Structures are given as C-alpha cells and as structure tokens.
Amino acid sequence: MLMRPSDLHPLLRKTAVPVPNHSGTVAVIPPAIDIEVPFKDCDTLSAIARLELDRLKSALADFSGAAKLMYALNRREAVDSSQIEGTRTQFSELLLYELDAIHDIASTDDALTTLNYVSAYALGVEQITQQGQDGFTDGLILALHRQLLNGHPRTTPGEYRRVQNWIGGMKIENAIYIPPPAEQVPQLMTSLMRFMANPFNEQVRAPALFRRATIAHAYFEGIHPFLDGNGRVGRLLLPLLFLADQEPPIHLASFLKIRQLDYVLALESAQKRLDYSPWAKLFLECVIASCRHTQNLISQFSQLQTEWEIALKGLRSDSVVHKIMPLLLGQPVLTVKSIAQQLDVSFVRANKAIDVLLELDILRLAMPERQRNRVFHAHAVLNLLVSGLDHALLDARKSAERF
C-alpha cells in the first residue's frame, strides 16, 4: 500500500517533512521512543512467553549439548533471516560453505552474505557478554553492519546512510514507507541505543524485556539507518536483547519468515499508525514458538543420543566414532577432513570412523554424485532442526485461547 500523508497517525503528520524534489512525498519522523507504548490484548501472551522462556532456560541448563544446539540454531537463524531479504542459500549449504567444502552452490555471494550474519552475531554476543546492556551503542550497531555487509562496499558497511531511502517500490513516489531524512539518523539512533541500554525493571522483568525488544525492533526498522542490511541488523538485535537480560538468546527469524507478510504489515502498522499491537502479538507468538520448538529439540536430541548409544554398543568408548557423535548436534554436515582436524586424528582413522557411521545409517552421503571430497550429513539431526516450525507457530497462536 502506497504511503500517503493521510495514512499517517496525526502525530506523525505534524512532524513529517517533505522529501526534496519529490512532490507529494513525506519522510516519517518517529516520535520519542517510549516503553509505555500501549499493547492491546497482549497480557496473556506475555505471561505465556515468560513461562516458556523460564522452561527453556531450565531445559538448556540440564542439557549437555546446549552449546552445540544453540550453535546450530544460530546458523538456521542466519539462513532464514537472510532469506527474508531474498538470499537463496539453504541451511545445509551454509554448513558446507562454512566448512569450505563447497563453492558450486547456486550463489556463492549469498552464502558469504549468510555467513557474514553468523560472524556479526558472534561479534554482538562478545560485546553484550562483556558489557551487558551497556554494550548497546552506536559503535556496536555500526560494527554489526560492517561485518554483515563485509564484501559489499557499495552498501557503505559500518556507516549510517547519507541519502534518503525508502521501503517498497522502484521509485520513492511508490514507496509504502519513507524513513526519516539522513541527517536525523544519528540522533535517532543515539536515542534508540539509550533506550536499549536502560536497566530493566526487576519487578516487571519479562514484560520490560518483551516490550523493549518489540519497540526497539520496530523503531530501528522505522529509522532504517543503512542503505542495506536494515532487516538483518534489526533481527540481530532481538537475541542480543535477550542475552543482555541473561536470558537464552532465542532466535526468531525462522518464525518471522513463516509469517513474513504479517511481519511486514505489523511493522508498517507500528511505523505509520503508531499501533504496536499487531507487531507485539506476532513477536510474542514467535517467542513462544521458538521456546517450545527448542524445548522439543532438546527432548528429541536426547532420545536420538540414546538411540545412537545403543547402535554403537560394543565399540570402544575412546574410539574416533564415539568422539564424532557429540559434534553432530552442532555440526550435522561434515567431511573427513573436518573431522580429522577437529579431533586431531589421521585422515585414515577419520575416514574409517565415518564408514562405520554410514553403515549404521547415522550418517549419509550428502552429495552422492561426488567421487572425491565426500560430504556427509547426520540426516536425523538436520530433519529435526528444520521440522515442526509451522506447527510450533500455529500452536503459539492458539495459546492465548487455551490459557
């Protein structure tokens, strides 16, 4: 839907400014950011989300493979968040590319872009782990963007935009949303970082976290501070906000991708009409779905590990085969070379161990047509990581009715 001044909330109409040389178009100036923005009919969803987040935190604490699981989910997140912006690299392809095992996928540039997302997230985790909420600074945002857009100089990595941009349409006159003028971006981003860095209220910790994340993401996307990469940087901020509050850094892009149209419309409602409720509901449903799906993965992976232990009964516990098994939850795609390097064993020993796992159908050839440089995958792990997302999100949508 094209953006007309009459579509804007009355407060935004007063502050909107004409775009020079484009008659009839105005740029939206977001109002002062406020934690007390009203969310209609979200109290029940917020309570459920808090409950599921607590359950997930407990489940991860008791699961020995928690770090490897989160490692894999971060890569799934990178794929899905990048695909929202139009890339085509698949989950298994990213893992292969990361292993330096494949370069003939549909778009190597897409794979590099997706891997940049992984690196940017790692950079954010390091700063937020060290500094907590104080880590939310302009410097962090620019560093995330610099890493995310590494290799794409035309997008001016690590710099706020210096020109007017817009969302939707080949021409600004056909835009569905026009962010603020470039000269206002630094000040607006400083206000946003101050908002994100404020301490959470211990008495209302979960609602404050959920509110802050919901508002901050919509506000960031409303500013649209970069020439490219705004959606990906904005989605990177969500798990970092959870991490800063000492919660599991859950990733939401996989679920936002399923509801991509709702996601776009919900943000548009917040940015143009100052109605945050549709986005708040979608955000909370995605939090619930992510927590529940990850809890199910922990249960399913625990069962899978038990099945593997039974299948490997009789092999020496210090064998290379047994040493490979814990790696599979976080790295379900592998090569003989990668295993030899990670376990510091010879290529021959790694190859023999993989042959055992092939015979047990724990591993399968990922690319049977290859005669050399064989690639393998733990098919059961891959299937679990990418299955059931739709069901989890549908169940989350129904949660308020059952609560």
Protein backbone atom coordinates (compact mmCIF):
# COMPACT_ATOMS: atom_id res chain seq x y z
CA MET A 1 0.00 0.00 0.00
CA LEU A 2 1.47 3.36 -1.06
CA MET A 3 2.27 5.79 1.75
CA ARG A 4 0.26 8.97 1.70
CA PRO A 5 0.41 11.66 4.39
CA SER A 6 -3.24 10.93 5.19
CA ASP A 7 -2.25 7.34 6.09
CA LEU A 8 -0.09 8.52 8.97
CA HIS A 9 -1.08 8.89 12.61
CA PRO A 10 -1.97 12.54 13.41
CA LEU A 11 1.21 12.93 15.48
CA LEU A 12 3.33 11.74 12.57
CA ARG A 13 1.53 14.02 10.12
CA LYS A 14 2.60 17.00 12.22
CA THR A 15 6.29 16.03 12.26
CA ALA A 16 6.62 14.51 8.76
CA VAL A 17 8.83 16.52 6.38
CA PRO A 18 8.56 16.83 2.59
CA VAL A 19 11.15 14.92 0.58
CA PRO A 20 13.04 17.44 -1.57
CA ASN A 21 12.42 17.20 -5.31
CA HIS A 22 9.66 14.60 -4.87
CA SER A 23 6.32 16.38 -4.77
CA GLY A 24 3.65 14.80 -2.58
CA THR A 25 6.04 12.60 -0.61
CA VAL A 26 6.95 12.99 3.06
CA ALA A 27 9.53 11.32 5.30
CA VAL A 28 8.31 9.98 8.65
CA ILE A 29 9.98 11.23 11.83
CA PRO A 30 9.48 8.65 14.61
CA PRO A 31 8.22 10.13 17.89
CA ALA A 32 10.25 9.98 21.09
CA ILE A 33 10.69 6.32 21.97
CA ASP A 34 8.55 5.26 24.93
CA ILE A 35 8.44 1.98 26.91
CA GLU A 36 4.81 2.72 27.80
CA VAL A 37 3.52 2.32 24.24
CA PRO A 38 0.16 0.51 24.64
CA PHE A 39 -0.07 -3.14 23.57
CA LYS A 40 -3.69 -4.26 23.33
CA ASP A 41 -4.67 -7.79 24.35
CA CYS A 42 -1.07 -8.94 24.91
CA ASP A 43 -1.03 -9.64 28.66
CA THR A 44 -1.89 -13.32 28.30
CA LEU A 45 0.62 -13.91 25.51
CA SER A 46 3.28 -12.11 27.55
CA ALA A 47 2.61 -14.37 30.57
CA ILE A 48 2.84 -17.50 28.39
CA ALA A 49 6.04 -16.25 26.77
CA ARG A 50 7.58 -15.67 30.20
CA LEU A 51 6.62 -19.18 31.29
CA GLU A 52 8.07 -20.77 28.15
CA LEU A 53 11.27 -18.74 28.41
CA ASP A 54 11.75 -19.95 32.00
CA ARG A 55 11.15 -23.55 30.92
CA LEU A 56 13.64 -23.24 28.08
CA LYS A 57 16.26 -21.72 30.36
CA SER A 58 15.90 -24.66 32.73
CA ALA A 59 15.96 -27.22 29.92
CA LEU A 60 19.12 -25.74 28.40
CA ALA A 61 20.84 -25.75 31.81
CA ASP A 62 20.19 -29.50 32.11
CA PHE A 63 21.16 -30.40 28.54
CA SER A 64 24.80 -31.30 27.93
CA GLY A 65 24.53 -30.45 24.25
CA ALA A 66 23.05 -26.96 24.83
CA ALA A 67 26.02 -25.04 23.36
CA LYS A 68 26.07 -27.17 20.22
CA LEU A 69 22.31 -26.87 19.81
CA MET A 70 22.44 -23.08 20.04
CA TYR A 71 25.33 -23.10 17.57
CA ALA A 72 23.17 -24.93 15.04
CA LEU A 73 20.12 -22.75 15.70
CA ASN A 74 22.19 -19.62 15.15
CA ARG A 75 23.08 -20.87 11.69
CA ARG A 76 19.47 -21.72 10.93
CA GLU A 77 18.65 -18.18 12.03
CA ALA A 78 21.29 -16.73 9.70
CA VAL A 79 19.80 -18.63 6.76
CA ASP A 80 16.19 -17.66 7.48
CA SER A 81 16.90 -14.01 8.31
CA SER A 82 18.92 -13.68 5.11
CA GLN A 83 16.22 -15.43 3.08
CA ILE A 84 13.68 -12.86 4.27
CA GLU A 85 15.84 -10.39 2.32
CA GLY A 86 15.95 -12.60 -0.79
CA THR A 87 19.02 -14.84 -0.49
CA ARG A 88 18.74 -18.47 -1.59
CA THR A 89 21.38 -20.30 0.45
CA GLN A 90 19.89 -23.25 2.36
CA PHE A 91 20.79 -24.43 5.87
CA SER A 92 22.87 -27.41 4.74
CA GLU A 93 24.60 -25.25 2.10
CA LEU A 94 25.67 -22.74 4.74
CA LEU A 95 27.18 -25.51 6.84
CA LEU A 96 29.04 -26.82 3.79
CA TYR A 97 30.27 -23.37 2.86
CA GLU A 98 31.43 -22.76 6.41
CA LEU A 99 33.45 -25.98 6.22
CA ASP A 100 35.00 -24.71 2.98
CA ALA A 101 33.64 -27.92 1.45
CA ILE A 102 31.59 -26.49 -1.39
CA HIS A 103 31.73 -23.48 -3.68
CA ASP A 104 29.46 -24.52 -6.54
CA ILE A 105 26.13 -23.74 -4.91
CA ALA A 106 23.55 -21.53 -6.64
CA SER A 107 25.09 -18.33 -5.31
CA THR A 108 28.43 -18.18 -3.51
CA ASP A 109 27.74 -14.50 -2.83
CA ASP A 110 24.54 -15.47 -1.00
CA ALA A 111 26.46 -17.99 1.08
CA LEU A 112 29.07 -15.40 2.03
CA THR A 113 26.32 -12.93 2.96
CA THR A 114 24.69 -15.56 5.17
CA LEU A 115 27.98 -16.50 6.81
CA ASN A 116 28.59 -12.79 7.49
CA TYR A 117 25.39 -12.88 9.54
CA VAL A 118 26.90 -15.63 11.72
CA SER A 119 30.06 -13.58 12.22
CA ALA A 120 28.11 -10.41 13.03
CA TYR A 121 26.08 -12.26 15.64
CA ALA A 122 29.27 -13.64 17.24
CA LEU A 123 30.65 -10.10 17.41
CA GLY A 124 27.46 -8.89 19.10
CA VAL A 125 27.47 -11.76 21.59
CA GLU A 126 31.05 -10.95 22.58
CA GLN A 127 30.28 -7.29 23.31
CA ILE A 128 26.99 -7.92 25.11
CA THR A 129 28.50 -10.75 27.17
CA GLN A 130 31.27 -8.41 28.32
CA GLN A 131 29.23 -5.23 28.82
CA GLY A 132 25.62 -6.33 29.27
CA GLN A 133 23.06 -3.66 28.40
CA ASP A 134 25.81 -1.04 28.31
CA GLY A 135 27.02 -2.78 25.17
CA PHE A 136 24.17 -1.32 23.12
CA THR A 137 25.95 1.59 21.49
CA ASP A 138 26.22 3.21 18.09
CA GLY A 139 29.61 1.54 17.86
CA LEU A 140 28.04 -1.90 18.21
CA ILE A 141 25.38 -1.18 15.59
CA LEU A 142 27.97 0.08 13.10
CA ALA A 143 30.26 -2.89 13.83
CA LEU A 144 27.41 -5.35 13.25
CA HIS A 145 26.61 -3.67 9.94
CA ARG A 146 30.28 -3.56 8.92
CA GLN A 147 30.60 -7.31 9.46
CA LEU A 148 27.24 -8.14 7.95
CA LEU A 149 27.92 -6.21 4.73
CA ASN A 150 31.59 -7.14 4.52
CA GLY A 151 32.48 -7.57 0.86
CA HIS A 152 29.73 -5.22 -0.35
CA PRO A 153 31.40 -1.77 -0.49
CA ARG A 154 28.52 -0.14 -2.38
CA THR A 155 26.37 -0.53 0.73
CA THR A 156 28.89 1.53 2.78
CA PRO A 157 29.42 -1.10 5.53
CA GLY A 158 29.63 0.37 9.02
CA GLU A 159 28.23 3.77 8.05
CA TYR A 160 24.83 5.32 8.54
CA ARG A 161 23.20 6.34 5.29
CA ARG A 162 23.75 9.83 3.95
CA VAL A 163 20.85 9.86 1.50
CA GLN A 164 17.10 9.42 1.66
CA ASN A 165 15.93 5.83 1.28
CA TRP A 166 12.51 4.21 1.17
CA ILE A 167 10.78 0.83 1.53
CA GLY A 168 8.84 -0.74 -1.33
CA GLY A 169 8.52 0.44 -4.91
CA MET A 170 11.12 1.20 -7.56
CA LYS A 171 10.55 4.93 -7.08
CA ILE A 172 10.14 6.89 -3.86
CA GLU A 173 6.73 8.07 -5.10
CA ASN A 174 5.57 4.43 -4.96
CA ALA A 175 7.03 3.69 -1.51
CA ILE A 176 4.98 2.06 1.22
CA TYR A 177 7.14 3.78 3.87
CA ILE A 178 9.68 6.61 3.78
CA PRO A 179 12.07 6.73 6.79
CA PRO A 180 13.41 9.97 8.26
CA PRO A 181 15.92 12.14 6.39
CA ALA A 182 19.53 11.00 6.60
CA GLU A 183 20.65 13.96 8.73
CA GLN A 184 18.32 12.84 11.52
CA VAL A 185 19.55 9.24 11.64
CA PRO A 186 22.50 9.69 14.10
CA GLN A 187 20.37 11.46 16.70
CA LEU A 188 17.51 8.95 16.38
CA MET A 189 19.94 6.03 16.70
CA THR A 190 21.54 7.55 19.78
CA SER A 191 18.08 7.79 21.38
CA LEU A 192 17.36 4.18 20.44
CA MET A 193 20.65 2.96 21.94
CA ARG A 194 19.93 4.86 25.14
CA PHE A 195 16.53 3.16 25.30
CA MET A 196 18.03 -0.30 24.75
CA ALA A 197 20.76 0.24 27.33
CA ASN A 198 18.44 1.32 30.17
CA PRO A 199 18.29 -1.18 33.05
CA PHE A 200 15.28 -3.46 33.16
CA ASN A 201 12.79 -3.08 35.97
CA GLU A 202 13.32 -6.10 38.22
CA GLN A 203 9.69 -6.02 39.35
CA VAL A 204 8.36 -6.42 35.79
CA ARG A 205 11.38 -8.08 34.19
CA ALA A 206 9.70 -10.15 31.47
CA PRO A 207 7.20 -7.55 30.30
CA ALA A 208 10.02 -4.97 30.24
CA LEU A 209 12.23 -7.28 28.16
CA PHE A 210 9.46 -8.16 25.74
CA ARG A 211 8.33 -4.55 25.45
CA ARG A 212 11.85 -3.25 24.95
CA ALA A 213 12.63 -5.81 22.25
CA THR A 214 9.30 -5.25 20.47
CA ILE A 215 9.55 -1.47 20.47
CA ALA A 216 13.29 -1.36 19.71
CA HIS A 217 12.98 -3.57 16.63
CA ALA A 218 10.07 -1.62 15.14
CA TYR A 219 11.79 1.69 15.93
CA PHE A 220 15.06 0.54 14.35
CA GLU A 221 13.29 -0.60 11.20
CA GLY A 222 11.40 2.70 11.16
CA ILE A 223 14.66 4.68 11.19
CA HIS A 224 16.12 2.37 8.51
CA PRO A 225 19.57 3.78 9.22
CA PHE A 226 21.52 1.94 6.49
CA LEU A 227 21.48 1.72 2.71
CA ASP A 228 21.13 -2.07 3.01
CA GLY A 229 21.01 -4.71 5.74
CA ASN A 230 18.46 -2.95 7.97
CA GLY A 231 16.22 -6.00 8.40
CA ARG A 232 19.10 -8.31 9.24
CA VAL A 233 20.71 -5.92 11.73
CA GLY A 234 17.31 -5.30 13.31
CA ARG A 235 16.69 -9.02 13.73
CA LEU A 236 20.21 -9.50 15.15
CA LEU A 237 19.31 -7.11 17.95
CA LEU A 238 16.49 -9.35 19.21
CA PRO A 239 18.58 -12.27 20.57
CA LEU A 240 21.16 -9.78 21.84
CA LEU A 241 18.49 -8.04 23.92
CA PHE A 242 17.57 -11.41 25.45
CA LEU A 243 21.23 -12.18 26.11
CA ALA A 244 21.75 -8.79 27.78
CA ASP A 245 18.97 -9.67 30.20
CA GLN A 246 20.66 -13.02 30.97
CA GLU A 247 18.02 -14.99 29.10
CA PRO A 248 18.54 -17.60 26.37
CA PRO A 249 19.34 -15.65 23.17
CA ILE A 250 16.42 -17.14 21.28
CA HIS A 251 16.27 -16.57 17.55
CA LEU A 252 13.00 -15.52 15.94
CA ALA A 253 13.76 -15.11 12.22
CA SER A 254 12.77 -18.70 11.36
CA PHE A 255 9.28 -17.96 12.65
CA LEU A 256 9.10 -14.44 11.27
CA LYS A 257 9.93 -15.88 7.86
CA ILE A 258 6.88 -18.18 8.07
CA ARG A 259 4.71 -15.16 8.88
CA GLN A 260 6.62 -12.80 6.60
CA LEU A 261 3.61 -10.91 5.25
CA ASP A 262 2.17 -10.48 8.76
CA TYR A 263 5.61 -9.29 9.87
CA VAL A 264 5.78 -6.61 7.18
CA LEU A 265 2.23 -5.41 7.83
CA ALA A 266 2.71 -5.39 11.60
CA LEU A 267 5.82 -3.22 11.36
CA GLU A 268 4.03 -0.93 8.92
CA SER A 269 1.20 -0.52 11.43
CA ALA A 270 3.66 0.47 14.17
CA GLN A 271 5.64 2.85 11.99
CA LYS A 272 2.78 4.60 10.18
CA ARG A 273 -0.11 4.41 12.64
CA LEU A 274 1.77 4.03 15.96
CA ASP A 275 -0.23 0.85 16.57
CA TYR A 276 2.25 -1.61 18.04
CA SER A 277 -0.28 -4.29 18.98
CA PRO A 278 -0.10 -6.41 15.78
CA TRP A 279 3.70 -6.50 15.98
CA ALA A 280 3.66 -7.18 19.74
CA LYS A 281 1.31 -10.15 19.25
CA LEU A 282 3.40 -11.58 16.42
CA PHE A 283 6.62 -11.08 18.40
CA LEU A 284 5.21 -12.85 21.46
CA GLU A 285 3.84 -15.71 19.37
CA CYS A 286 7.30 -16.14 17.83
CA VAL A 287 8.92 -16.11 21.29
CA ILE A 288 6.53 -18.83 22.45
CA ALA A 289 7.05 -20.87 19.29
CA SER A 290 10.84 -20.58 19.46
CA CYS A 291 10.98 -21.59 23.13
CA ARG A 292 8.68 -24.58 22.62
CA HIS A 293 10.40 -25.75 19.45
CA THR A 294 13.81 -25.60 21.13
CA GLN A 295 12.49 -27.49 24.15
CA ASN A 296 11.17 -30.17 21.80
CA LEU A 297 14.56 -30.31 20.10
CA ILE A 298 16.26 -30.92 23.44
CA SER A 299 13.90 -33.81 24.13
CA GLN A 300 14.27 -35.23 20.62
CA PHE A 301 18.04 -34.89 20.62
CA SER A 302 18.28 -36.61 24.00
CA GLN A 303 16.27 -39.52 22.58
CA LEU A 304 18.43 -39.56 19.46
CA GLN A 305 21.60 -39.71 21.53
CA THR A 306 20.19 -42.70 23.43
CA GLU A 307 19.45 -44.45 20.13
CA TRP A 308 22.97 -43.74 18.91
CA GLU A 309 24.50 -45.12 22.11
CA ILE A 310 22.56 -48.35 21.60
CA ALA A 311 23.67 -48.55 17.97
CA LEU A 312 27.32 -48.04 18.96
CA LYS A 313 27.26 -50.56 21.77
CA GLY A 314 30.33 -52.75 21.53
CA LEU A 315 32.66 -50.09 20.14
CA ARG A 316 35.43 -48.85 22.39
CA SER A 317 34.37 -45.70 24.23
CA ASP A 318 37.57 -43.93 23.19
CA SER A 319 37.13 -44.75 19.50
CA VAL A 320 37.01 -42.00 16.89
CA VAL A 321 33.40 -42.97 16.19
CA HIS A 322 32.37 -42.09 19.75
CA LYS A 323 34.29 -38.82 19.55
CA ILE A 324 32.40 -37.81 16.42
CA MET A 325 28.96 -38.26 17.96
CA PRO A 326 28.88 -35.17 20.25
CA LEU A 327 29.88 -32.99 17.29
CA LEU A 328 26.85 -33.91 15.20
CA LEU A 329 24.28 -31.85 17.13
CA GLY A 330 26.05 -28.61 16.27
CA GLN A 331 27.67 -29.67 13.01
CA PRO A 332 25.37 -32.16 11.25
CA VAL A 333 27.22 -31.66 7.94
CA LEU A 334 30.84 -32.78 7.78
CA THR A 335 33.75 -34.07 5.73
CA VAL A 336 36.53 -36.49 6.55
CA LYS A 337 38.96 -33.55 6.55
CA SER A 338 36.86 -31.54 9.04
CA ILE A 339 36.62 -34.49 11.43
CA ALA A 340 40.34 -35.23 11.19
CA GLN A 341 41.14 -31.61 12.01
CA GLN A 342 38.65 -31.21 14.85
CA LEU A 343 39.62 -34.48 16.55
CA ASP A 344 43.31 -34.25 15.65
CA VAL A 345 43.37 -37.73 14.12
CA SER A 346 44.67 -39.01 10.81
CA PHE A 347 42.59 -38.81 7.65
CA VAL A 348 42.57 -42.63 7.51
CA ARG A 349 41.17 -43.01 11.03
CA ALA A 350 38.53 -40.33 10.44
CA ASN A 351 37.53 -42.00 7.17
CA LYS A 352 37.15 -45.42 8.82
CA ALA A 353 35.02 -43.95 11.60
CA ILE A 354 32.73 -42.26 9.09
CA ASP A 355 32.38 -45.55 7.20
CA VAL A 356 31.10 -47.13 10.42
CA LEU A 357 28.53 -44.36 10.84
CA LEU A 358 27.47 -44.74 7.20
CA GLU A 359 26.88 -48.45 7.74
CA LEU A 360 24.76 -47.68 10.82
CA ASP A 361 22.81 -45.04 8.83
CA ILE A 362 23.74 -42.38 11.37
CA LEU A 363 25.47 -40.55 8.52
CA ARG A 364 24.52 -40.45 4.85
CA LEU A 365 26.23 -39.10 1.78
CA ALA A 366 25.04 -35.55 1.26
CA MET A 367 26.18 -35.42 -2.36
CA PRO A 368 26.26 -38.99 -3.74
CA GLU A 369 27.42 -37.79 -7.16
CA ARG A 370 30.79 -36.76 -5.73
CA GLN A 371 33.54 -39.33 -6.06
CA ARG A 372 36.13 -37.28 -4.19
CA ASN A 373 35.92 -34.85 -1.25
CA ARG A 374 32.85 -36.64 0.03
CA VAL A 375 30.35 -34.74 2.17
CA PHE A 376 28.18 -36.40 4.81
CA HIS A 377 25.22 -35.37 6.91
CA ALA A 378 23.52 -36.57 10.07
CA HIS A 379 20.13 -36.65 8.39
CA ALA A 380 18.17 -37.17 11.61
CA VAL A 381 19.69 -34.02 13.15
CA LEU A 382 19.07 -31.91 10.04
CA ASN A 383 15.45 -33.06 9.84
CA LEU A 384 14.78 -32.19 13.47
CA LEU A 385 16.33 -28.73 13.18
CA VAL A 386 14.13 -27.65 10.28
CA SER A 387 10.92 -29.59 11.00
CA GLY A 388 7.93 -28.58 13.07
CA LEU A 389 8.41 -24.81 12.86
CA ASP A 390 4.99 -24.19 11.31
CA HIS A 391 3.27 -26.37 13.89
CA ALA A 392 5.02 -24.62 16.78
CA LEU A 393 3.95 -21.22 15.49
CA LEU A 394 0.37 -22.33 14.87
CA ASP A 395 0.22 -23.75 18.40
CA ALA A 396 1.58 -20.48 19.79
CA ARG A 397 -1.18 -18.54 18.02
CA LYS A 398 -3.78 -20.69 19.78
CA SER A 399 -2.12 -20.43 23.20
CA ALA A 400 -3.98 -17.36 24.41
CA GLU A 401 -7.29 -19.11 23.78
CA ARG A 402 -6.28 -22.06 25.95
CA PHE A 403 -4.55 -20.15 28.74
